[in-house]
Amino acid sequence: MEPAQNGAYFGQRPAGLRLPLQLLPNSLIKRAMVIEVQPTYVDLFLPPLLTAQFESLIRMIYGIADQPNAIRWQSYVPVDLPADWSRIAFTADPGVLEVNLPPALVGRPINPG
């Protein structure tokens, strides 16, 4: 594989970031959903979307997927996050889904039992 300018290989970057969108004419919208099929999973890269469309698309894909746990989700953060969201991030790790949320000044106490 050919290395990118930053030293990373194109094949190691999220599928949607490897598209040569800069080669398309300026008159075209440069957004794409990318599906890259691997032997045991599917990489799914979602383009920048508004929150409502983002949530709707995720629900639709999850609802029709035969094996939704075999999807490796990749995406930009929605461009119009509601005021009570500052950022949400998911990190894939075998057997674990790590969710990173911003700190909150107020909230309900966690009941451990």
Foldseek 3Di string as FASTA:
>chain_A
DDADPVRHRLVVDQPLVNDPLVPDDPVDDRFDWDWDDDPQAIETEHEAAAPVVVVVVVVVCCVPDPCNVRYDYHYDFHPCDPPVAPDWDWDDDVPDTDIDGDDDPDDDDDDPD
